[in-house]
């Protein structure tokens, strides 16, 4: 079952936003209320997960183009 990320929708400008995760079936409707507090919530769309296997791991798809500047902290450029 996928784990979905939600965040509260503040009713006041200075109210903090709380993020939490919920394990749900893909067939379940997205939550509209926090399961514990009842506050209004929205589902957050975040990046997915990609796993490359075998020869695919050495393709250029796993590395940014050489013209991309990632900074000195990355190890993607030889």
C-alpha atoms as a PDB file:
ATOM      1  CA  UNK A   1       0.000   0.000   0.000  1.00  0.00           C
ATOM      2  CA  UNK A   2       1.306   3.466  -0.841  1.00  0.00           C
ATOM      3  CA  UNK A   3       2.118   6.045   1.819  1.00  0.00           C
ATOM      4  CA  UNK A   4       0.617   9.470   1.135  1.00  0.00           C
ATOM      5  CA  UNK A   5       1.858  12.788   2.499  1.00  0.00           C
ATOM      6  CA  UNK A   6      -0.728  15.247   3.828  1.00  0.00           C
ATOM      7  CA  UNK A   7      -0.546  18.699   5.387  1.00  0.00           C
ATOM      8  CA  UNK A   8      -2.988  20.688   7.464  1.00  0.00           C
ATOM      9  CA  UNK A   9      -4.593  23.773   5.957  1.00  0.00           C
ATOM     10  CA  UNK A  10      -4.223  26.574   8.531  1.00  0.00           C
ATOM     11  CA  UNK A  11      -7.367  28.516   9.349  1.00  0.00           C
ATOM     12  CA  UNK A  12      -5.300  31.417  10.714  1.00  0.00           C
ATOM     13  CA  UNK A  13      -2.222  33.048   9.097  1.00  0.00           C
ATOM     14  CA  UNK A  14       0.087  32.367  12.071  1.00  0.00           C
ATOM     15  CA  UNK A  15      -1.072  28.769  12.589  1.00  0.00           C
ATOM     16  CA  UNK A  16       1.659  26.189  11.895  1.00  0.00           C
ATOM     17  CA  UNK A  17       1.315  23.617   9.118  1.00  0.00           C
ATOM     18  CA  UNK A  18       1.621  19.993  10.211  1.00  0.00           C
ATOM     19  CA  UNK A  19       2.737  17.334   7.733  1.00  0.00           C
ATOM     20  CA  UNK A  20       2.002  13.656   8.274  1.00  0.00           C
ATOM     21  CA  UNK A  21       1.962  10.396   6.347  1.00  0.00           C
ATOM     22  CA  UNK A  22      -0.893   7.915   5.952  1.00  0.00           C
ATOM     23  CA  UNK A  23      -0.764   4.417   4.483  1.00  0.00           C
ATOM     24  CA  UNK A  24      -3.793   4.090   2.191  1.00  0.00           C
ATOM     25  CA  UNK A  25      -4.977   1.906  -0.648  1.00  0.00           C
ATOM     26  CA  UNK A  26      -4.834   3.553  -4.063  1.00  0.00           C
ATOM     27  CA  UNK A  27      -8.625   3.055  -4.228  1.00  0.00           C
ATOM     28  CA  UNK A  28      -9.301   5.042  -1.048  1.00  0.00           C
ATOM     29  CA  UNK A  29     -10.481   8.622  -1.291  1.00  0.00           C
ATOM     30  CA  UNK A  30      -7.951  11.258  -0.205  1.00  0.00           C
ATOM     31  CA  UNK A  31      -8.413  12.517   3.339  1.00  0.00           C
ATOM     32  CA  UNK A  32     -10.102  15.886   3.808  1.00  0.00           C
ATOM     33  CA  UNK A  33      -9.697  15.985   7.629  1.00  0.00           C
ATOM     34  CA  UNK A  34      -6.819  15.136   9.971  1.00  0.00           C
ATOM     35  CA  UNK A  35      -7.602  11.722  11.487  1.00  0.00           C
ATOM     36  CA  UNK A  36      -6.776  12.875  15.057  1.00  0.00           C
ATOM     37  CA  UNK A  37      -7.574  16.604  15.195  1.00  0.00           C
ATOM     38  CA  UNK A  38     -10.269  17.018  12.539  1.00  0.00           C
ATOM     39  CA  UNK A  39      -8.409  19.933  10.912  1.00  0.00           C
ATOM     40  CA  UNK A  40      -8.788  20.393   7.150  1.00  0.00           C
ATOM     41  CA  UNK A  41      -5.964  18.710   5.199  1.00  0.00           C
ATOM     42  CA  UNK A  42      -4.734  18.345   1.623  1.00  0.00           C
ATOM     43  CA  UNK A  43      -2.684  15.608  -0.027  1.00  0.00           C
ATOM     44  CA  UNK A  44       0.806  16.665  -1.072  1.00  0.00           C
ATOM     45  CA  UNK A  45       2.201  15.422  -4.363  1.00  0.00           C
ATOM     46  CA  UNK A  46       5.891  14.628  -4.035  1.00  0.00           C
ATOM     47  CA  UNK A  47       8.572  12.999  -6.184  1.00  0.00           C
ATOM     48  CA  UNK A  48       8.442   9.320  -6.929  1.00  0.00           C
ATOM     49  CA  UNK A  49      10.998   6.577  -6.520  1.00  0.00           C
ATOM     50  CA  UNK A  50      12.975   5.165  -9.430  1.00  0.00           C
ATOM     51  CA  UNK A  51      15.089   2.040  -9.187  1.00  0.00           C
ATOM     52  CA  UNK A  52      17.307   1.088 -12.099  1.00  0.00           C
ATOM     53  CA  UNK A  53      18.434  -2.499 -12.540  1.00  0.00           C
ATOM     54  CA  UNK A  54      21.296  -4.142 -14.434  1.00  0.00           C
ATOM     55  CA  UNK A  55      22.737  -2.238 -17.403  1.00  0.00           C
ATOM     56  CA  UNK A  56      20.169   0.542 -16.988  1.00  0.00           C
ATOM     57  CA  UNK A  57      22.054   1.782 -13.908  1.00  0.00           C
ATOM     58  CA  UNK A  58      24.983   2.902 -16.029  1.00  0.00           C
ATOM     59  CA  UNK A  59      22.958   4.857 -18.596  1.00  0.00           C
ATOM     60  CA  UNK A  60      22.961   8.623 -18.798  1.00  0.00           C
ATOM     61  CA  UNK A  61      19.404   8.606 -17.409  1.00  0.00           C
ATOM     62  CA  UNK A  62      20.850   8.128 -13.940  1.00  0.00           C
ATOM     63  CA  UNK A  63      23.156  11.152 -14.224  1.00  0.00           C
ATOM     64  CA  UNK A  64      22.429  14.756 -15.155  1.00  0.00           C
ATOM     65  CA  UNK A  65      23.975  16.075 -18.375  1.00  0.00           C
ATOM     66  CA  UNK A  66      27.596  17.186 -18.030  1.00  0.00           C
ATOM     67  CA  UNK A  67      26.527  20.780 -18.680  1.00  0.00           C
ATOM     68  CA  UNK A  68      24.501  20.758 -15.462  1.00  0.00           C
ATOM     69  CA  UNK A  69      26.211  22.412 -12.529  1.00  0.00           C
ATOM     70  CA  UNK A  70      25.472  20.395  -9.399  1.00  0.00           C
ATOM     71  CA  UNK A  71      28.098  22.045  -7.257  1.00  0.00           C
ATOM     72  CA  UNK A  72      31.211  20.568  -5.741  1.00  0.00           C
ATOM     73  CA  UNK A  73      29.349  18.365  -3.233  1.00  0.00           C
ATOM     74  CA  UNK A  74      27.920  15.968  -5.809  1.00  0.00           C
ATOM     75  CA  UNK A  75      29.641  12.899  -7.181  1.00  0.00           C
ATOM     76  CA  UNK A  76      27.784  12.650 -10.479  1.00  0.00           C
ATOM     77  CA  UNK A  77      30.592  14.194 -12.576  1.00  0.00           C
ATOM     78  CA  UNK A  78      33.957  12.427 -12.912  1.00  0.00           C
END
